[in-house]
Amino acid sequence: MRILVVDDEPFCLTLTYKFLRENNHSVVTASQVDEALQILETIEFDLVITDILMPNTNGTELIRHIKASNKPIPVLAMTGGFENAQADYLIEAEMFADAAVSKPLHKDQFLEIVEALGNA
């Protein structure tokens, strides 16, 4: 499966990339929404995984753009949020994305969700 991963936190981006590559997925990464939108113009993906809280433009805007496109792609939203607001951000993510997970990621659960979305 070809997957675009968008996250402004280098550690999370690298970890997500590693999890997916270990499971034989083709992965492209972006560290901000503007970069992801440019990539989406030139490459087709089977799934987009995006963080919600990012500087400048947040992941919710990316999800809205994807859902409004001619080729809506399944989206998995991730959020760690601030410790006391994590639940609120997860609820927001679930409102727009096809699925949502909270950080830190639990590898097996994360990959199970990825596979389910890719086979939908």
C-alpha atoms as a PDB file:
ATOM      1  CA  MET A   1       0.000   0.000   0.000  1.00  0.00           C
ATOM      2  CA  ARG A   2       1.245   3.523  -0.790  1.00  0.00           C
ATOM      3  CA  ILE A   3       0.932   5.755   2.294  1.00  0.00           C
ATOM      4  CA  LEU A   4       1.574   9.447   2.948  1.00  0.00           C
ATOM      5  CA  VAL A   5       2.546  10.246   6.546  1.00  0.00           C
ATOM      6  CA  VAL A   6       2.346  13.849   7.769  1.00  0.00           C
ATOM      7  CA  ASP A   7       3.765  14.848  11.154  1.00  0.00           C
ATOM      8  CA  ASP A   8       5.775  17.842  12.335  1.00  0.00           C
ATOM      9  CA  GLU A   9       7.537  15.845  15.073  1.00  0.00           C
ATOM     10  CA  PRO A  10      10.637  14.191  13.562  1.00  0.00           C
ATOM     11  CA  PHE A  11      10.624  11.307  16.070  1.00  0.00           C
ATOM     12  CA  CYS A  12       6.971  10.447  15.394  1.00  0.00           C
ATOM     13  CA  LEU A  13       7.461  10.769  11.643  1.00  0.00           C
ATOM     14  CA  THR A  14      10.465   8.435  11.726  1.00  0.00           C
ATOM     15  CA  LEU A  15       8.771   5.905  13.998  1.00  0.00           C
ATOM     16  CA  THR A  16       5.620   5.799  11.870  1.00  0.00           C
ATOM     17  CA  TYR A  17       7.728   5.457   8.728  1.00  0.00           C
ATOM     18  CA  LYS A  18       9.654   2.568  10.295  1.00  0.00           C
ATOM     19  CA  PHE A  19       6.497   0.717  11.424  1.00  0.00           C
ATOM     20  CA  LEU A  20       5.019   0.960   7.930  1.00  0.00           C
ATOM     21  CA  ARG A  21       8.195   0.084   6.002  1.00  0.00           C
ATOM     22  CA  GLU A  22       8.735  -2.995   8.218  1.00  0.00           C
ATOM     23  CA  ASN A  23       5.328  -4.143   7.000  1.00  0.00           C
ATOM     24  CA  ASN A  24       6.180  -3.671   3.326  1.00  0.00           C
ATOM     25  CA  HIS A  25       4.311  -0.445   2.684  1.00  0.00           C
ATOM     26  CA  SER A  26       5.585   2.259   0.352  1.00  0.00           C
ATOM     27  CA  VAL A  27       5.852   5.418   2.443  1.00  0.00           C
ATOM     28  CA  VAL A  28       6.274   9.106   1.609  1.00  0.00           C
ATOM     29  CA  THR A  29       6.629  11.611   4.433  1.00  0.00           C
ATOM     30  CA  ALA A  30       5.895  15.294   4.903  1.00  0.00           C
ATOM     31  CA  SER A  31       6.541  17.487   7.929  1.00  0.00           C
ATOM     32  CA  GLN A  32       3.815  20.050   7.276  1.00  0.00           C
ATOM     33  CA  VAL A  33       0.427  20.335   5.598  1.00  0.00           C
ATOM     34  CA  ASP A  34       1.570  22.576   2.720  1.00  0.00           C
ATOM     35  CA  GLU A  35       4.220  20.024   1.785  1.00  0.00           C
ATOM     36  CA  ALA A  36       1.656  17.208   1.972  1.00  0.00           C
ATOM     37  CA  LEU A  37      -0.748  19.072  -0.311  1.00  0.00           C
ATOM     38  CA  GLN A  38       1.990  19.491  -2.930  1.00  0.00           C
ATOM     39  CA  ILE A  39       2.823  15.785  -2.744  1.00  0.00           C
ATOM     40  CA  LEU A  40      -0.859  14.847  -3.092  1.00  0.00           C
ATOM     41  CA  GLU A  41      -0.998  16.788  -6.373  1.00  0.00           C
ATOM     42  CA  THR A  42       1.579  14.510  -7.969  1.00  0.00           C
ATOM     43  CA  ILE A  43       1.321  11.100  -6.281  1.00  0.00           C
ATOM     44  CA  GLU A  44      -1.698   8.880  -5.660  1.00  0.00           C
ATOM     45  CA  PHE A  45      -1.972   7.252  -2.242  1.00  0.00           C
ATOM     46  CA  ASP A  46      -4.024   4.440  -0.756  1.00  0.00           C
ATOM     47  CA  LEU A  47      -3.981   6.033   2.699  1.00  0.00           C
ATOM     48  CA  VAL A  48      -2.968   9.278   4.407  1.00  0.00           C
ATOM     49  CA  ILE A  49      -1.862   9.293   8.032  1.00  0.00           C
ATOM     50  CA  THR A  50      -1.701  12.743   9.569  1.00  0.00           C
ATOM     51  CA  ASP A  51      -1.033  14.342  12.895  1.00  0.00           C
ATOM     52  CA  ILE A  52      -3.717  16.801  13.962  1.00  0.00           C
ATOM     53  CA  LEU A  53      -1.718  19.371  15.942  1.00  0.00           C
ATOM     54  CA  MET A  54       0.861  21.031  13.701  1.00  0.00           C
ATOM     55  CA  PRO A  55       2.118  24.598  13.360  1.00  0.00           C
ATOM     56  CA  ASN A  56       0.604  26.874  10.732  1.00  0.00           C
ATOM     57  CA  THR A  57      -2.040  24.599   9.194  1.00  0.00           C
ATOM     58  CA  ASN A  58      -3.315  21.679  11.243  1.00  0.00           C
ATOM     59  CA  GLY A  59      -4.136  18.161  10.145  1.00  0.00           C
ATOM     60  CA  THR A  60      -7.873  18.810  10.203  1.00  0.00           C
ATOM     61  CA  GLU A  61      -7.451  21.191   7.259  1.00  0.00           C
ATOM     62  CA  LEU A  62      -5.524  18.520   5.369  1.00  0.00           C
ATOM     63  CA  ILE A  63      -8.277  15.989   6.028  1.00  0.00           C
ATOM     64  CA  ARG A  64     -10.947  18.435   4.826  1.00  0.00           C
ATOM     65  CA  HIS A  65      -8.967  19.022   1.624  1.00  0.00           C
ATOM     66  CA  ILE A  66      -8.623  15.285   1.002  1.00  0.00           C
ATOM     67  CA  LYS A  67     -12.305  14.602   1.646  1.00  0.00           C
ATOM     68  CA  ALA A  68     -13.314  17.414  -0.717  1.00  0.00           C
ATOM     69  CA  SER A  69     -11.096  16.120  -3.528  1.00  0.00           C
ATOM     70  CA  ASN A  70     -12.287  14.098  -6.509  1.00  0.00           C
ATOM     71  CA  LYS A  71     -10.421  11.072  -5.166  1.00  0.00           C
ATOM     72  CA  PRO A  72     -11.147  10.925  -1.450  1.00  0.00           C
ATOM     73  CA  ILE A  73      -8.516   8.823   0.270  1.00  0.00           C
ATOM     74  CA  PRO A  74      -8.968   7.092   3.629  1.00  0.00           C
ATOM     75  CA  VAL A  75      -7.356   9.116   6.416  1.00  0.00           C
ATOM     76  CA  LEU A  76      -5.985   7.969   9.757  1.00  0.00           C
ATOM     77  CA  ALA A  77      -5.570  10.867  12.177  1.00  0.00           C
ATOM     78  CA  MET A  78      -3.050  10.788  15.026  1.00  0.00           C
ATOM     79  CA  THR A  79      -2.905  13.074  17.990  1.00  0.00           C
ATOM     80  CA  GLY A  80      -1.009  13.342  21.209  1.00  0.00           C
ATOM     81  CA  GLY A  81      -2.322  16.766  22.002  1.00  0.00           C
ATOM     82  CA  PHE A  82      -1.475  18.360  25.268  1.00  0.00           C
ATOM     83  CA  GLU A  83      -1.802  16.018  28.197  1.00  0.00           C
ATOM     84  CA  ASN A  84      -5.039  17.500  29.499  1.00  0.00           C
ATOM     85  CA  ALA A  85      -6.557  18.088  26.042  1.00  0.00           C
ATOM     86  CA  GLN A  86      -5.675  14.827  24.320  1.00  0.00           C
ATOM     87  CA  ALA A  87      -9.255  13.506  24.490  1.00  0.00           C
ATOM     88  CA  ASP A  88     -10.598  16.689  22.887  1.00  0.00           C
ATOM     89  CA  TYR A  89      -8.161  16.454  19.982  1.00  0.00           C
ATOM     90  CA  LEU A  90      -8.951  12.773  19.510  1.00  0.00           C
ATOM     91  CA  ILE A  91     -12.664  13.586  19.283  1.00  0.00           C
ATOM     92  CA  GLU A  92     -11.910  16.288  16.702  1.00  0.00           C
ATOM     93  CA  ALA A  93      -9.795  13.834  14.707  1.00  0.00           C
ATOM     94  CA  GLU A  94     -12.560  11.239  14.735  1.00  0.00           C
ATOM     95  CA  MET A  95     -15.051  13.799  13.402  1.00  0.00           C
ATOM     96  CA  PHE A  96     -13.112  14.278  10.164  1.00  0.00           C
ATOM     97  CA  ALA A  97     -10.939  11.212   9.602  1.00  0.00           C
ATOM     98  CA  ASP A  98     -11.904   7.620   8.833  1.00  0.00           C
ATOM     99  CA  ALA A  99     -10.140   6.528  12.024  1.00  0.00           C
ATOM    100  CA  ALA A 100      -8.062   8.090  14.790  1.00  0.00           C
ATOM    101  CA  VAL A 101      -5.343   6.934  17.172  1.00  0.00           C
ATOM    102  CA  SER A 102      -3.647   8.628  20.062  1.00  0.00           C
ATOM    103  CA  LYS A 103       0.078   8.937  20.583  1.00  0.00           C
ATOM    104  CA  PRO A 104       2.179   7.260  21.688  1.00  0.00           C
ATOM    105  CA  LEU A 105       1.422   4.700  19.020  1.00  0.00           C
ATOM    106  CA  HIS A 106       1.017   1.051  19.927  1.00  0.00           C
ATOM    107  CA  LYS A 107       2.555  -0.727  16.949  1.00  0.00           C
ATOM    108  CA  ASP A 108       0.216  -3.722  16.649  1.00  0.00           C
ATOM    109  CA  GLN A 109      -2.959  -1.682  17.115  1.00  0.00           C
ATOM    110  CA  PHE A 110      -1.685   0.986  14.724  1.00  0.00           C
ATOM    111  CA  LEU A 111      -0.846  -1.535  11.989  1.00  0.00           C
ATOM    112  CA  GLU A 112      -4.188  -3.271  12.422  1.00  0.00           C
ATOM    113  CA  ILE A 113      -6.002   0.016  11.797  1.00  0.00           C
ATOM    114  CA  VAL A 114      -3.764   0.799   8.796  1.00  0.00           C
ATOM    115  CA  GLU A 115      -4.563  -2.574   7.216  1.00  0.00           C
ATOM    116  CA  ALA A 116      -8.302  -2.185   7.846  1.00  0.00           C
ATOM    117  CA  LEU A 117      -8.358   1.252   6.204  1.00  0.00           C
ATOM    118  CA  GLY A 118      -6.271   0.041   3.271  1.00  0.00           C
ATOM    119  CA  ASN A 119      -8.678  -2.818   2.636  1.00  0.00           C
ATOM    120  CA  ALA A 120     -11.837  -0.727   2.965  1.00  0.00           C
END
